[in-house]
Structures are given as C-alpha cells and as structure tokens.
C-alpha cells in the first residue's frame, strides 16, 4: 500500500489523465490543510492498490487548481468518479473504505 498507484493531476493534465482515460477514474479533490482529507488519504491509497488496472485513482489539490471550481466542488474531501469523460458519481466527506468500495464495485 503505497502512494505510487495514485496519480497527482492538475489543471493542465486533467483532461488527458481523467476525461480521456480508457478506464473509470476516481478523483480525490483535497487540500493539505484539510483534516478529513488527511484521514481519507490512506483509504485512497489502498483503493488505488486494490483496483490497479481497473480504476485509475487521482488526487487534485483544490488550492493549486481551478478544476475543482469547474466541477462545483464545494467541500472537501470530495471523490468524483468519471467514466468515459463524464461524472457518474460523487462522494463528499470522509468515509470508511467499505463504503467507498461498495460504490466502486458497482462501476
């Protein structure tokens, strides 16, 4: 379980890495000052490892990028699942891994 399976995206590569991805993508919108974001980080890393090759896992820092604003992300952490370039699900706030896995298993 390491962060090596989690790709950090930004405004310039969001389209190519997320919207044009061949597999579903989970994007964790986060900030370094956010307590719940820090709490869910290990869960995101575990999911990235568990679903490697099936679901791409990315993190986007909301303080450094405008993409969060474009998608109406109002609170963090927010996890948005994209498939074929479209948002198919949105989860807001910290949640146990089991809750996140339930959603991912339905993709």
Protein backbone atom coordinates (compact mmCIF):
# COMPACT_ATOMS: atom_id res chain seq x y z
CA UNK A 1 0.00 0.00 0.00
CA UNK A 2 1.87 2.99 -1.23
CA UNK A 3 1.02 6.25 -2.89
CA UNK A 4 2.76 5.12 -6.08
CA UNK A 5 -0.59 3.99 -7.56
CA UNK A 6 -2.10 7.45 -7.01
CA UNK A 7 -1.54 9.99 -9.77
CA UNK A 8 -1.45 13.67 -8.85
CA UNK A 9 -3.29 15.62 -11.54
CA UNK A 10 -3.60 19.34 -12.18
CA UNK A 11 -5.41 21.77 -14.48
CA UNK A 12 -3.04 21.10 -17.36
CA UNK A 13 -3.27 17.28 -17.40
CA UNK A 14 -6.80 16.74 -16.04
CA UNK A 15 -8.31 16.30 -19.50
CA UNK A 16 -5.74 13.78 -20.72
CA UNK A 17 -5.42 11.82 -17.45
CA UNK A 18 -9.06 11.85 -16.30
CA UNK A 19 -11.51 12.76 -19.05
CA UNK A 20 -9.71 10.80 -21.79
CA UNK A 21 -8.85 7.77 -19.63
CA UNK A 22 -9.76 4.35 -21.02
CA UNK A 23 -10.89 3.07 -17.59
CA UNK A 24 -13.03 4.71 -14.86
CA UNK A 25 -11.22 7.33 -12.77
CA UNK A 26 -11.68 8.23 -9.10
CA UNK A 27 -10.53 11.81 -8.44
CA UNK A 28 -9.94 12.85 -4.82
CA UNK A 29 -10.32 16.63 -4.54
CA UNK A 30 -8.30 17.59 -1.45
CA UNK A 31 -6.18 20.24 0.29
CA UNK A 32 -3.15 19.95 2.57
CA UNK A 33 -4.88 21.83 5.42
CA UNK A 34 -7.98 19.58 5.41
CA UNK A 35 -8.17 17.13 8.34
CA UNK A 36 -10.71 14.75 6.77
CA UNK A 37 -8.61 14.76 3.56
CA UNK A 38 -5.63 13.52 5.58
CA UNK A 39 -7.82 10.88 7.21
CA UNK A 40 -9.05 9.50 3.89
CA UNK A 41 -5.64 9.59 2.16
CA UNK A 42 -4.65 6.06 3.31
CA UNK A 43 -8.06 4.77 2.15
CA UNK A 44 -7.49 6.35 -1.28
CA UNK A 45 -4.04 4.72 -1.45
CA UNK A 46 -5.46 1.29 -0.52
CA UNK A 47 -8.19 1.61 -3.14
CA UNK A 48 -5.60 2.61 -5.76
CA UNK A 49 -3.67 -0.55 -4.97
CA UNK A 50 -6.74 -2.81 -4.78
CA UNK A 51 -8.22 -1.59 -8.07
CA UNK A 52 -4.98 -1.15 -10.02
CA UNK A 53 -5.67 -1.67 -13.71
CA UNK A 54 -9.44 -1.46 -13.18
CA UNK A 55 -9.88 2.07 -11.83
CA UNK A 56 -7.39 4.91 -12.13
CA UNK A 57 -7.02 6.88 -8.88
CA UNK A 58 -6.02 10.55 -8.96
CA UNK A 59 -5.69 13.38 -6.46
CA UNK A 60 -6.23 17.04 -7.29
CA UNK A 61 -5.20 19.79 -4.87
CA UNK A 62 -8.07 22.32 -4.83
CA UNK A 63 -5.81 25.16 -3.64
CA UNK A 64 -3.49 24.85 -6.63
CA UNK A 65 -6.01 24.16 -9.42
CA UNK A 66 -9.22 25.63 -10.84
CA UNK A 67 -10.63 22.29 -11.99
CA UNK A 68 -12.44 21.79 -8.65
CA UNK A 69 -14.35 25.01 -9.25
CA UNK A 70 -15.31 23.89 -12.76
CA UNK A 71 -16.89 20.75 -11.28
CA UNK A 72 -18.66 22.59 -8.47
CA UNK A 73 -16.66 21.03 -5.66
CA UNK A 74 -17.79 23.00 -2.61
CA UNK A 75 -16.42 20.92 0.26
CA UNK A 76 -13.53 18.53 0.62
CA UNK A 77 -12.71 15.78 0.54
CA UNK A 78 -14.89 15.12 -2.50
CA UNK A 79 -14.34 12.00 -4.58
CA UNK A 80 -15.72 12.19 -8.12
CA UNK A 81 -15.90 9.12 -10.31
CA UNK A 82 -15.55 9.70 -14.04
CA UNK A 83 -16.27 7.17 -16.78
CA UNK A 84 -15.87 7.94 -20.49
CA UNK A 85 -15.17 11.59 -19.63
CA UNK A 86 -18.41 12.08 -17.66
CA UNK A 87 -19.06 12.32 -13.93
CA UNK A 88 -21.02 9.23 -12.86
CA UNK A 89 -20.86 9.55 -9.08
CA UNK A 90 -19.81 11.95 -6.33
CA UNK A 91 -18.99 11.19 -2.70
CA UNK A 92 -18.45 14.00 -0.20
CA UNK A 93 -16.64 13.78 3.13
CA UNK A 94 -14.64 11.13 4.91
CA UNK A 95 -15.96 7.60 4.65
CA UNK A 96 -14.72 4.16 5.64
CA UNK A 97 -13.09 2.09 2.91
CA UNK A 98 -16.04 -0.33 2.87
CA UNK A 99 -18.42 2.48 1.82
CA UNK A 100 -16.14 3.60 -1.00
CA UNK A 101 -15.60 0.02 -2.18
CA UNK A 102 -19.39 -0.53 -2.39
CA UNK A 103 -19.65 2.36 -4.84
CA UNK A 104 -16.58 1.33 -6.86
CA UNK A 105 -17.77 -2.26 -7.18
CA UNK A 106 -20.89 -1.01 -8.97
CA UNK A 107 -18.95 0.64 -11.79
